[in-house]
């Protein structure tokens, strides 16, 4: 008997150059500003003006450290034990943070988004959420990165294309910096009046005033003196938006701004970001920790209903 021989078409053969772990790269430019976005998790890989970087980056072979730059939906932060009550039905999400027995940062961190529209200074990436363990809903999601003279604007859109009323939250996980100064020497300001106290598993315990606590960021503490993995709310609007600001010793700064629907911030510090050491994540969120259970900031989409919300990064003192 003659064995069948299969010859693969040449366009099926493996490429000799390895792909970045964050997928296809989309590079946006405006004047001397550059933004780089990866297709996996629609991840923000870079925002810079000239040789000054305003977000942490990493080498191509590395998965985004600490979830840096990824989109967090249909929930940011944690669902405790991955379990929640869906109108009388107990749903069990996959446990993606085993050390804390939690479902962490939604369902999209390993999802490849498809580029739907590109220009020199913008890209729109899209990916669906299909029903799966613990989340029996279907959403169409997209994120648009747009670079202008004023900074980077990121717009998220979710549409319920299923048949049930879908709960959701949205967040993102950028690490901010001003690379001309050590991040430890930058000062972080947020006007948040309330922080969420947590237990040893980072599950929420209570909402407390920041007054007199190490969690108070209203007076701009030095990043190197902070040790935070903390959710904040009670944010006052400034010119119609929420803000957190990193300020350098020379007075230049970078602002994280967000529309009012992003009524929460997660601030995370580490001294072990690859290649940088001290780093700080400033994460805009529409809801708090374990929102599927406590309802804090939880949003819902009826079938056919859409959500849209924007946040952005605004360097101050860095002409494009």
C-alpha atoms as a PDB file:
ATOM      1  CA  UNK A   1       0.000   0.000   0.000  1.00  0.00           C
ATOM      2  CA  UNK A   2       1.326   3.394  -0.929  1.00  0.00           C
ATOM      3  CA  UNK A   3       1.246   5.933   1.855  1.00  0.00           C
ATOM      4  CA  UNK A   4      -0.421   9.225   1.082  1.00  0.00           C
ATOM      5  CA  UNK A   5       1.928  12.164   0.929  1.00  0.00           C
ATOM      6  CA  UNK A   6       0.680  15.576   1.975  1.00  0.00           C
ATOM      7  CA  UNK A   7       2.423  18.648   0.655  1.00  0.00           C
ATOM      8  CA  UNK A   8       1.516  21.840   2.466  1.00  0.00           C
ATOM      9  CA  UNK A   9       0.927  24.953   0.401  1.00  0.00           C
ATOM     10  CA  UNK A  10       3.801  27.361   0.863  1.00  0.00           C
ATOM     11  CA  UNK A  11       1.559  29.972   2.482  1.00  0.00           C
ATOM     12  CA  UNK A  12       0.888  27.477   5.318  1.00  0.00           C
ATOM     13  CA  UNK A  13       4.550  27.066   6.174  1.00  0.00           C
ATOM     14  CA  UNK A  14       5.707  28.566   9.493  1.00  0.00           C
ATOM     15  CA  UNK A  15       7.235  32.005   9.259  1.00  0.00           C
ATOM     16  CA  UNK A  16      10.904  32.125  10.132  1.00  0.00           C
ATOM     17  CA  UNK A  17      10.588  35.326  12.211  1.00  0.00           C
ATOM     18  CA  UNK A  18       8.940  34.849  15.624  1.00  0.00           C
ATOM     19  CA  UNK A  19       5.799  36.871  16.277  1.00  0.00           C
ATOM     20  CA  UNK A  20       5.667  39.207  19.284  1.00  0.00           C
ATOM     21  CA  UNK A  21       3.864  37.628  22.234  1.00  0.00           C
ATOM     22  CA  UNK A  22       1.401  40.540  22.059  1.00  0.00           C
ATOM     23  CA  UNK A  23       0.461  39.718  18.464  1.00  0.00           C
ATOM     24  CA  UNK A  24       0.320  42.008  15.459  1.00  0.00           C
ATOM     25  CA  UNK A  25       1.731  45.454  16.210  1.00  0.00           C
ATOM     26  CA  UNK A  26      -0.049  48.675  15.210  1.00  0.00           C
ATOM     27  CA  UNK A  27       2.114  51.813  15.276  1.00  0.00           C
ATOM     28  CA  UNK A  28       0.421  55.235  15.377  1.00  0.00           C
ATOM     29  CA  UNK A  29       2.222  58.527  14.855  1.00  0.00           C
ATOM     30  CA  UNK A  30       1.386  62.198  15.235  1.00  0.00           C
ATOM     31  CA  UNK A  31       4.228  64.678  14.958  1.00  0.00           C
ATOM     32  CA  UNK A  32       6.971  63.378  17.265  1.00  0.00           C
ATOM     33  CA  UNK A  33       4.520  61.188  19.246  1.00  0.00           C
ATOM     34  CA  UNK A  34       4.319  57.399  18.852  1.00  0.00           C
ATOM     35  CA  UNK A  35       1.818  54.836  20.148  1.00  0.00           C
ATOM     36  CA  UNK A  36       2.204  51.084  19.722  1.00  0.00           C
ATOM     37  CA  UNK A  37      -0.690  48.680  20.263  1.00  0.00           C
ATOM     38  CA  UNK A  38      -0.591  44.866  20.204  1.00  0.00           C
ATOM     39  CA  UNK A  39      -3.544  42.798  18.987  1.00  0.00           C
ATOM     40  CA  UNK A  40      -3.540  40.426  22.008  1.00  0.00           C
ATOM     41  CA  UNK A  41      -5.814  42.008  24.639  1.00  0.00           C
ATOM     42  CA  UNK A  42      -5.704  45.208  22.511  1.00  0.00           C
ATOM     43  CA  UNK A  43      -2.651  45.993  24.634  1.00  0.00           C
ATOM     44  CA  UNK A  44      -1.041  49.421  24.865  1.00  0.00           C
ATOM     45  CA  UNK A  45       2.675  48.728  24.309  1.00  0.00           C
ATOM     46  CA  UNK A  46       4.063  52.258  24.101  1.00  0.00           C
ATOM     47  CA  UNK A  47       3.243  55.943  24.250  1.00  0.00           C
ATOM     48  CA  UNK A  48       6.155  58.298  23.738  1.00  0.00           C
ATOM     49  CA  UNK A  49       7.009  61.776  22.505  1.00  0.00           C
ATOM     50  CA  UNK A  50      10.499  61.862  21.096  1.00  0.00           C
ATOM     51  CA  UNK A  51      12.666  59.835  23.447  1.00  0.00           C
ATOM     52  CA  UNK A  52      10.421  60.337  26.506  1.00  0.00           C
ATOM     53  CA  UNK A  53       8.125  57.415  27.336  1.00  0.00           C
ATOM     54  CA  UNK A  54       4.869  57.866  29.246  1.00  0.00           C
ATOM     55  CA  UNK A  55       3.964  54.184  29.593  1.00  0.00           C
ATOM     56  CA  UNK A  56       5.996  51.124  30.513  1.00  0.00           C
ATOM     57  CA  UNK A  57       6.988  48.813  27.688  1.00  0.00           C
ATOM     58  CA  UNK A  58       8.682  45.427  27.398  1.00  0.00           C
ATOM     59  CA  UNK A  59      10.467  43.195  24.909  1.00  0.00           C
ATOM     60  CA  UNK A  60       8.547  41.379  22.190  1.00  0.00           C
ATOM     61  CA  UNK A  61       8.992  37.858  23.547  1.00  0.00           C
ATOM     62  CA  UNK A  62       7.460  38.725  26.930  1.00  0.00           C
ATOM     63  CA  UNK A  63       3.765  38.496  27.865  1.00  0.00           C
ATOM     64  CA  UNK A  64       2.568  41.849  29.246  1.00  0.00           C
ATOM     65  CA  UNK A  65       4.103  42.029  32.754  1.00  0.00           C
ATOM     66  CA  UNK A  66       1.520  42.467  35.527  1.00  0.00           C
ATOM     67  CA  UNK A  67      -1.142  42.758  32.797  1.00  0.00           C
ATOM     68  CA  UNK A  68       0.451  46.035  31.680  1.00  0.00           C
ATOM     69  CA  UNK A  69      -1.683  47.887  29.130  1.00  0.00           C
ATOM     70  CA  UNK A  70      -4.375  45.228  28.627  1.00  0.00           C
ATOM     71  CA  UNK A  71      -8.145  45.740  28.321  1.00  0.00           C
ATOM     72  CA  UNK A  72     -10.132  44.459  31.317  1.00  0.00           C
ATOM     73  CA  UNK A  73     -13.694  43.402  30.475  1.00  0.00           C
ATOM     74  CA  UNK A  74     -16.425  42.216  31.126  1.00  0.00           C
ATOM     75  CA  UNK A  75     -15.026  42.965  34.564  1.00  0.00           C
ATOM     76  CA  UNK A  76     -11.843  44.592  35.881  1.00  0.00           C
ATOM     77  CA  UNK A  77     -10.148  43.492  39.093  1.00  0.00           C
ATOM     78  CA  UNK A  78     -11.449  40.359  40.869  1.00  0.00           C
ATOM     79  CA  UNK A  79     -14.593  38.290  41.204  1.00  0.00           C
ATOM     80  CA  UNK A  80     -14.092  36.607  44.583  1.00  0.00           C
ATOM     81  CA  UNK A  81     -14.023  32.804  44.242  1.00  0.00           C
ATOM     82  CA  UNK A  82     -15.126  33.382  40.626  1.00  0.00           C
ATOM     83  CA  UNK A  83     -18.702  32.908  41.811  1.00  0.00           C
ATOM     84  CA  UNK A  84     -21.703  35.183  41.496  1.00  0.00           C
ATOM     85  CA  UNK A  85     -25.511  35.077  41.544  1.00  0.00           C
ATOM     86  CA  UNK A  86     -27.135  35.611  38.151  1.00  0.00           C
ATOM     87  CA  UNK A  87     -30.773  36.198  39.098  1.00  0.00           C
ATOM     88  CA  UNK A  88     -30.924  33.057  41.190  1.00  0.00           C
ATOM     89  CA  UNK A  89     -28.490  30.981  39.135  1.00  0.00           C
ATOM     90  CA  UNK A  90     -25.034  30.564  40.672  1.00  0.00           C
ATOM     91  CA  UNK A  91     -22.408  31.166  37.981  1.00  0.00           C
ATOM     92  CA  UNK A  92     -18.841  29.849  38.304  1.00  0.00           C
ATOM     93  CA  UNK A  93     -16.148  31.639  36.341  1.00  0.00           C
ATOM     94  CA  UNK A  94     -12.809  29.994  35.624  1.00  0.00           C
ATOM     95  CA  UNK A  95     -10.307  30.726  38.396  1.00  0.00           C
ATOM     96  CA  UNK A  96      -7.507  32.671  36.725  1.00  0.00           C
ATOM     97  CA  UNK A  97      -5.747  33.781  39.914  1.00  0.00           C
ATOM     98  CA  UNK A  98      -5.366  30.494  41.841  1.00  0.00           C
ATOM     99  CA  UNK A  99      -3.283  32.001  44.651  1.00  0.00           C
ATOM    100  CA  UNK A 100      -6.263  34.152  45.641  1.00  0.00           C
ATOM    101  CA  UNK A 101      -9.052  31.858  44.384  1.00  0.00           C
ATOM    102  CA  UNK A 102     -10.378  34.601  42.130  1.00  0.00           C
ATOM    103  CA  UNK A 103     -11.345  35.320  38.538  1.00  0.00           C
ATOM    104  CA  UNK A 104      -9.047  38.175  37.589  1.00  0.00           C
ATOM    105  CA  UNK A 105      -9.368  40.971  35.008  1.00  0.00           C
ATOM    106  CA  UNK A 106     -12.130  39.640  32.770  1.00  0.00           C
ATOM    107  CA  UNK A 107     -12.091  37.378  29.735  1.00  0.00           C
ATOM    108  CA  UNK A 108     -10.014  39.198  27.121  1.00  0.00           C
ATOM    109  CA  UNK A 109      -6.389  39.145  28.302  1.00  0.00           C
ATOM    110  CA  UNK A 110      -5.483  36.296  25.905  1.00  0.00           C
ATOM    111  CA  UNK A 111      -7.905  37.227  23.120  1.00  0.00           C
ATOM    112  CA  UNK A 112      -6.639  38.355  19.706  1.00  0.00           C
ATOM    113  CA  UNK A 113      -8.428  41.473  18.469  1.00  0.00           C
ATOM    114  CA  UNK A 114      -8.928  42.168  14.767  1.00  0.00           C
ATOM    115  CA  UNK A 115      -8.043  45.535  13.250  1.00  0.00           C
ATOM    116  CA  UNK A 116     -11.232  46.980  11.754  1.00  0.00           C
ATOM    117  CA  UNK A 117      -9.970  50.431  10.763  1.00  0.00           C
ATOM    118  CA  UNK A 118      -6.533  52.048  10.671  1.00  0.00           C
ATOM    119  CA  UNK A 119      -5.153  55.479   9.867  1.00  0.00           C
ATOM    120  CA  UNK A 120      -1.762  57.063  10.496  1.00  0.00           C
ATOM    121  CA  UNK A 121      -2.842  58.165  13.973  1.00  0.00           C
ATOM    122  CA  UNK A 122      -5.613  55.722  14.952  1.00  0.00           C
ATOM    123  CA  UNK A 123      -6.608  52.076  15.070  1.00  0.00           C
ATOM    124  CA  UNK A 124      -9.866  50.346  15.976  1.00  0.00           C
ATOM    125  CA  UNK A 125      -9.600  46.762  17.219  1.00  0.00           C
ATOM    126  CA  UNK A 126     -12.568  44.447  17.730  1.00  0.00           C
ATOM    127  CA  UNK A 127     -13.218  41.101  19.439  1.00  0.00           C
ATOM    128  CA  UNK A 128     -16.374  39.288  20.591  1.00  0.00           C
ATOM    129  CA  UNK A 129     -17.128  37.763  23.972  1.00  0.00           C
ATOM    130  CA  UNK A 130     -19.048  34.501  23.605  1.00  0.00           C
ATOM    131  CA  UNK A 131     -20.886  32.588  26.364  1.00  0.00           C
ATOM    132  CA  UNK A 132     -18.479  30.602  28.531  1.00  0.00           C
ATOM    133  CA  UNK A 133     -17.987  29.267  32.049  1.00  0.00           C
ATOM    134  CA  UNK A 134     -19.729  31.642  34.427  1.00  0.00           C
ATOM    135  CA  UNK A 135     -20.607  34.289  31.841  1.00  0.00           C
ATOM    136  CA  UNK A 136     -23.524  33.217  29.603  1.00  0.00           C
ATOM    137  CA  UNK A 137     -23.681  36.379  27.488  1.00  0.00           C
ATOM    138  CA  UNK A 138     -22.571  37.540  24.047  1.00  0.00           C
ATOM    139  CA  UNK A 139     -20.985  40.944  23.595  1.00  0.00           C
ATOM    140  CA  UNK A 140     -19.299  42.628  20.677  1.00  0.00           C
ATOM    141  CA  UNK A 141     -16.400  44.754  21.942  1.00  0.00           C
ATOM    142  CA  UNK A 142     -14.067  47.250  20.327  1.00  0.00           C
ATOM    143  CA  UNK A 143     -11.402  49.732  21.375  1.00  0.00           C
ATOM    144  CA  UNK A 144     -10.123  52.717  19.395  1.00  0.00           C
ATOM    145  CA  UNK A 145      -6.748  54.311  20.078  1.00  0.00           C
ATOM    146  CA  UNK A 146      -6.453  57.841  18.660  1.00  0.00           C
ATOM    147  CA  UNK A 147      -3.314  59.977  18.899  1.00  0.00           C
ATOM    148  CA  UNK A 148      -3.631  63.783  18.581  1.00  0.00           C
ATOM    149  CA  UNK A 149      -1.733  66.907  19.593  1.00  0.00           C
ATOM    150  CA  UNK A 150      -3.560  66.794  22.948  1.00  0.00           C
ATOM    151  CA  UNK A 151      -2.542  63.225  23.759  1.00  0.00           C
ATOM    152  CA  UNK A 152      -3.868  59.676  23.472  1.00  0.00           C
ATOM    153  CA  UNK A 153      -7.623  59.010  23.644  1.00  0.00           C
ATOM    154  CA  UNK A 154      -8.899  55.443  24.093  1.00  0.00           C
ATOM    155  CA  UNK A 155     -12.581  54.749  23.380  1.00  0.00           C
ATOM    156  CA  UNK A 156     -14.266  51.474  24.305  1.00  0.00           C
ATOM    157  CA  UNK A 157     -17.535  50.232  22.857  1.00  0.00           C
ATOM    158  CA  UNK A 158     -19.555  47.197  23.956  1.00  0.00           C
ATOM    159  CA  UNK A 159     -22.784  45.978  22.335  1.00  0.00           C
ATOM    160  CA  UNK A 160     -25.021  43.230  23.713  1.00  0.00           C
ATOM    161  CA  UNK A 161     -25.614  40.985  20.690  1.00  0.00           C
ATOM    162  CA  UNK A 162     -27.159  38.205  22.780  1.00  0.00           C
ATOM    163  CA  UNK A 163     -30.597  37.650  24.267  1.00  0.00           C
ATOM    164  CA  UNK A 164     -30.057  38.203  28.003  1.00  0.00           C
ATOM    165  CA  UNK A 165     -29.456  41.294  30.137  1.00  0.00           C
ATOM    166  CA  UNK A 166     -25.666  41.296  30.516  1.00  0.00           C
ATOM    167  CA  UNK A 167     -23.808  42.689  33.544  1.00  0.00           C
ATOM    168  CA  UNK A 168     -20.371  44.136  32.860  1.00  0.00           C
ATOM    169  CA  UNK A 169     -17.562  46.361  33.993  1.00  0.00           C
ATOM    170  CA  UNK A 170     -14.699  47.843  32.036  1.00  0.00           C
ATOM    171  CA  UNK A 171     -11.175  48.857  32.907  1.00  0.00           C
ATOM    172  CA  UNK A 172      -7.669  49.038  31.544  1.00  0.00           C
ATOM    173  CA  UNK A 173      -4.210  48.530  33.037  1.00  0.00           C
ATOM    174  CA  UNK A 174      -1.624  51.107  31.877  1.00  0.00           C
ATOM    175  CA  UNK A 175       1.561  51.736  33.833  1.00  0.00           C
ATOM    176  CA  UNK A 176       2.502  55.415  33.659  1.00  0.00           C
ATOM    177  CA  UNK A 177       5.957  56.968  33.737  1.00  0.00           C
ATOM    178  CA  UNK A 178       7.991  59.981  32.616  1.00  0.00           C
ATOM    179  CA  UNK A 179      11.112  58.209  31.470  1.00  0.00           C
ATOM    180  CA  UNK A 180      13.404  61.234  31.819  1.00  0.00           C
ATOM    181  CA  UNK A 181      13.108  60.734  35.611  1.00  0.00           C
ATOM    182  CA  UNK A 182      13.126  57.611  37.817  1.00  0.00           C
ATOM    183  CA  UNK A 183       9.516  56.611  38.493  1.00  0.00           C
ATOM    184  CA  UNK A 184      10.324  56.400  42.208  1.00  0.00           C
ATOM    185  CA  UNK A 185      10.953  60.178  42.178  1.00  0.00           C
ATOM    186  CA  UNK A 186       7.638  61.093  40.527  1.00  0.00           C
ATOM    187  CA  UNK A 187       4.705  62.259  42.638  1.00  0.00           C
ATOM    188  CA  UNK A 188       1.235  60.736  42.223  1.00  0.00           C
ATOM    189  CA  UNK A 189      -1.881  62.795  42.874  1.00  0.00           C
ATOM    190  CA  UNK A 190      -5.492  61.614  42.923  1.00  0.00           C
ATOM    191  CA  UNK A 191      -8.408  63.381  44.609  1.00  0.00           C
ATOM    192  CA  UNK A 192     -10.111  60.086  45.536  1.00  0.00           C
ATOM    193  CA  UNK A 193     -11.777  60.398  48.947  1.00  0.00           C
ATOM    194  CA  UNK A 194     -12.489  56.703  49.549  1.00  0.00           C
ATOM    195  CA  UNK A 195     -10.383  53.552  49.344  1.00  0.00           C
ATOM    196  CA  UNK A 196     -11.412  49.907  49.597  1.00  0.00           C
ATOM    197  CA  UNK A 197      -9.864  48.005  52.489  1.00  0.00           C
ATOM    198  CA  UNK A 198      -9.136  44.375  51.586  1.00  0.00           C
ATOM    199  CA  UNK A 199      -8.219  41.117  53.319  1.00  0.00           C
ATOM    200  CA  UNK A 200      -5.147  38.950  52.717  1.00  0.00           C
ATOM    201  CA  UNK A 201      -6.677  37.683  49.438  1.00  0.00           C
ATOM    202  CA  UNK A 202      -7.336  41.258  48.245  1.00  0.00           C
ATOM    203  CA  UNK A 203     -11.081  40.704  48.594  1.00  0.00           C
ATOM    204  CA  UNK A 204     -13.035  43.821  49.622  1.00  0.00           C
ATOM    205  CA  UNK A 205     -13.856  44.314  53.295  1.00  0.00           C
ATOM    206  CA  UNK A 206     -14.989  47.926  53.647  1.00  0.00           C
ATOM    207  CA  UNK A 207     -15.018  51.351  52.003  1.00  0.00           C
ATOM    208  CA  UNK A 208     -13.129  53.846  54.176  1.00  0.00           C
ATOM    209  CA  UNK A 209     -12.091  57.521  54.018  1.00  0.00           C
ATOM    210  CA  UNK A 210      -8.495  58.067  52.907  1.00  0.00           C
ATOM    211  CA  UNK A 211      -7.987  60.750  55.566  1.00  0.00           C
ATOM    212  CA  UNK A 212      -4.923  60.043  57.677  1.00  0.00           C
ATOM    213  CA  UNK A 213      -4.055  56.778  55.907  1.00  0.00           C
ATOM    214  CA  UNK A 214      -1.123  55.733  53.669  1.00  0.00           C
ATOM    215  CA  UNK A 215      -3.715  55.455  50.889  1.00  0.00           C
ATOM    216  CA  UNK A 216      -4.286  59.227  50.733  1.00  0.00           C
ATOM    217  CA  UNK A 217      -2.973  60.483  47.367  1.00  0.00           C
ATOM    218  CA  UNK A 218      -4.487  63.954  47.478  1.00  0.00           C
ATOM    219  CA  UNK A 219      -1.219  65.678  48.362  1.00  0.00           C
ATOM    220  CA  UNK A 220       1.034  63.977  45.815  1.00  0.00           C
ATOM    221  CA  UNK A 221       3.199  61.444  47.667  1.00  0.00           C
ATOM    222  CA  UNK A 222       6.409  60.183  46.075  1.00  0.00           C
ATOM    223  CA  UNK A 223       5.829  56.946  44.124  1.00  0.00           C
ATOM    224  CA  UNK A 224       8.890  55.314  45.683  1.00  0.00           C
ATOM    225  CA  UNK A 225       7.264  55.691  49.112  1.00  0.00           C
ATOM    226  CA  UNK A 226       4.031  53.920  48.116  1.00  0.00           C
ATOM    227  CA  UNK A 227       3.083  50.264  48.497  1.00  0.00           C
ATOM    228  CA  UNK A 228      -0.380  49.995  46.954  1.00  0.00           C
ATOM    229  CA  UNK A 229      -2.723  47.565  45.271  1.00  0.00           C
ATOM    230  CA  UNK A 230      -5.745  49.641  46.099  1.00  0.00           C
ATOM    231  CA  UNK A 231      -9.121  50.507  44.591  1.00  0.00           C
ATOM    232  CA  UNK A 232     -10.359  54.076  45.012  1.00  0.00           C
ATOM    233  CA  UNK A 233     -13.665  55.853  44.487  1.00  0.00           C
ATOM    234  CA  UNK A 234     -15.247  59.087  45.607  1.00  0.00           C
ATOM    235  CA  UNK A 235     -13.486  60.866  42.767  1.00  0.00           C
ATOM    236  CA  UNK A 236     -14.228  64.547  42.217  1.00  0.00           C
ATOM    237  CA  UNK A 237     -14.555  65.761  38.629  1.00  0.00           C
ATOM    238  CA  UNK A 238     -12.053  68.276  37.266  1.00  0.00           C
ATOM    239  CA  UNK A 239     -13.322  70.048  34.144  1.00  0.00           C
ATOM    240  CA  UNK A 240     -15.807  67.213  33.660  1.00  0.00           C
ATOM    241  CA  UNK A 241     -13.342  64.325  33.971  1.00  0.00           C
ATOM    242  CA  UNK A 242     -11.653  62.152  36.579  1.00  0.00           C
ATOM    243  CA  UNK A 243      -7.876  62.510  36.793  1.00  0.00           C
ATOM    244  CA  UNK A 244      -4.756  61.075  38.334  1.00  0.00           C
ATOM    245  CA  UNK A 245      -1.484  62.912  37.740  1.00  0.00           C
ATOM    246  CA  UNK A 246       2.181  61.925  37.826  1.00  0.00           C
ATOM    247  CA  UNK A 247       4.432  64.961  38.295  1.00  0.00           C
ATOM    248  CA  UNK A 248       8.191  65.100  37.701  1.00  0.00           C
ATOM    249  CA  UNK A 249      10.696  67.167  39.725  1.00  0.00           C
ATOM    250  CA  UNK A 250      10.892  69.709  36.871  1.00  0.00           C
ATOM    251  CA  UNK A 251       7.111  70.304  36.971  1.00  0.00           C
ATOM    252  CA  UNK A 252       6.241  68.382  33.810  1.00  0.00           C
ATOM    253  CA  UNK A 253       3.497  65.810  34.213  1.00  0.00           C
ATOM    254  CA  UNK A 254       1.365  63.128  32.649  1.00  0.00           C
ATOM    255  CA  UNK A 255      -2.362  62.930  33.359  1.00  0.00           C
ATOM    256  CA  UNK A 256      -4.595  59.891  33.301  1.00  0.00           C
ATOM    257  CA  UNK A 257      -8.070  61.268  32.540  1.00  0.00           C
ATOM    258  CA  UNK A 258     -11.361  59.451  32.214  1.00  0.00           C
ATOM    259  CA  UNK A 259     -15.003  60.236  31.542  1.00  0.00           C
ATOM    260  CA  UNK A 260     -17.331  60.304  34.578  1.00  0.00           C
ATOM    261  CA  UNK A 261     -18.549  56.724  33.987  1.00  0.00           C
ATOM    262  CA  UNK A 262     -15.072  55.591  35.100  1.00  0.00           C
ATOM    263  CA  UNK A 263     -15.816  56.298  38.742  1.00  0.00           C
ATOM    264  CA  UNK A 264     -13.075  54.058  40.131  1.00  0.00           C
ATOM    265  CA  UNK A 265      -9.278  53.940  40.019  1.00  0.00           C
ATOM    266  CA  UNK A 266      -6.979  51.077  40.893  1.00  0.00           C
ATOM    267  CA  UNK A 267      -3.466  52.125  41.891  1.00  0.00           C
ATOM    268  CA  UNK A 268      -0.803  49.407  41.885  1.00  0.00           C
ATOM    269  CA  UNK A 269       2.885  49.841  42.657  1.00  0.00           C
ATOM    270  CA  UNK A 270       5.740  47.377  42.251  1.00  0.00           C
ATOM    271  CA  UNK A 271       9.517  47.445  42.578  1.00  0.00           C
ATOM    272  CA  UNK A 272      10.033  44.575  40.123  1.00  0.00           C
ATOM    273  CA  UNK A 273       8.738  45.662  36.718  1.00  0.00           C
ATOM    274  CA  UNK A 274      11.056  44.051  34.133  1.00  0.00           C
ATOM    275  CA  UNK A 275      13.735  46.502  33.034  1.00  0.00           C
ATOM    276  CA  UNK A 276      12.383  49.348  35.142  1.00  0.00           C
ATOM    277  CA  UNK A 277      12.137  48.264  38.770  1.00  0.00           C
ATOM    278  CA  UNK A 278       9.763  50.724  40.443  1.00  0.00           C
ATOM    279  CA  UNK A 279       6.567  51.188  38.402  1.00  0.00           C
ATOM    280  CA  UNK A 280       3.026  52.401  38.981  1.00  0.00           C
ATOM    281  CA  UNK A 281      -0.214  51.368  37.294  1.00  0.00           C
ATOM    282  CA  UNK A 282      -3.078  53.862  37.231  1.00  0.00           C
ATOM    283  CA  UNK A 283      -6.155  51.962  36.109  1.00  0.00           C
ATOM    284  CA  UNK A 284      -9.475  53.649  35.230  1.00  0.00           C
ATOM    285  CA  UNK A 285     -12.433  51.368  36.008  1.00  0.00           C
ATOM    286  CA  UNK A 286     -16.213  51.634  35.757  1.00  0.00           C
ATOM    287  CA  UNK A 287     -16.727  49.452  38.828  1.00  0.00           C
ATOM    288  CA  UNK A 288     -15.038  48.243  41.987  1.00  0.00           C
ATOM    289  CA  UNK A 289     -13.646  44.943  43.235  1.00  0.00           C
ATOM    290  CA  UNK A 290     -16.089  41.985  43.089  1.00  0.00           C
ATOM    291  CA  UNK A 291     -18.775  44.128  41.458  1.00  0.00           C
ATOM    292  CA  UNK A 292     -20.634  41.063  40.177  1.00  0.00           C
ATOM    293  CA  UNK A 293     -21.444  40.319  43.822  1.00  0.00           C
ATOM    294  CA  UNK A 294     -21.641  43.698  45.574  1.00  0.00           C
ATOM    295  CA  UNK A 295     -22.929  45.729  42.620  1.00  0.00           C
ATOM    296  CA  UNK A 296     -20.514  48.634  43.192  1.00  0.00           C
ATOM    297  CA  UNK A 297     -20.512  50.428  39.842  1.00  0.00           C
ATOM    298  CA  UNK A 298     -21.794  47.368  37.954  1.00  0.00           C
ATOM    299  CA  UNK A 299     -23.358  48.227  34.584  1.00  0.00           C
ATOM    300  CA  UNK A 300     -25.877  46.283  32.482  1.00  0.00           C
ATOM    301  CA  UNK A 301     -26.660  46.060  28.783  1.00  0.00           C
ATOM    302  CA  UNK A 302     -30.054  45.010  27.506  1.00  0.00           C
ATOM    303  CA  UNK A 303     -30.112  43.045  24.224  1.00  0.00           C
ATOM    304  CA  UNK A 304     -29.176  45.409  21.414  1.00  0.00           C
ATOM    305  CA  UNK A 305     -27.985  48.123  23.794  1.00  0.00           C
ATOM    306  CA  UNK A 306     -24.527  49.694  23.437  1.00  0.00           C
ATOM    307  CA  UNK A 307     -22.026  51.274  25.848  1.00  0.00           C
ATOM    308  CA  UNK A 308     -19.288  53.736  24.961  1.00  0.00           C
ATOM    309  CA  UNK A 309     -16.716  55.338  27.231  1.00  0.00           C
ATOM    310  CA  UNK A 310     -13.330  57.023  26.892  1.00  0.00           C
ATOM    311  CA  UNK A 311     -10.189  57.664  28.897  1.00  0.00           C
ATOM    312  CA  UNK A 312      -6.789  58.897  27.903  1.00  0.00           C
ATOM    313  CA  UNK A 313      -3.221  59.922  28.654  1.00  0.00           C
ATOM    314  CA  UNK A 314      -2.291  63.599  28.452  1.00  0.00           C
ATOM    315  CA  UNK A 315       1.374  64.663  28.741  1.00  0.00           C
ATOM    316  CA  UNK A 316       1.848  68.224  29.971  1.00  0.00           C
ATOM    317  CA  UNK A 317       5.043  70.088  29.127  1.00  0.00           C
ATOM    318  CA  UNK A 318       6.015  67.913  26.151  1.00  0.00           C
ATOM    319  CA  UNK A 319       5.327  69.615  22.799  1.00  0.00           C
ATOM    320  CA  UNK A 320       4.472  67.279  19.935  1.00  0.00           C
END
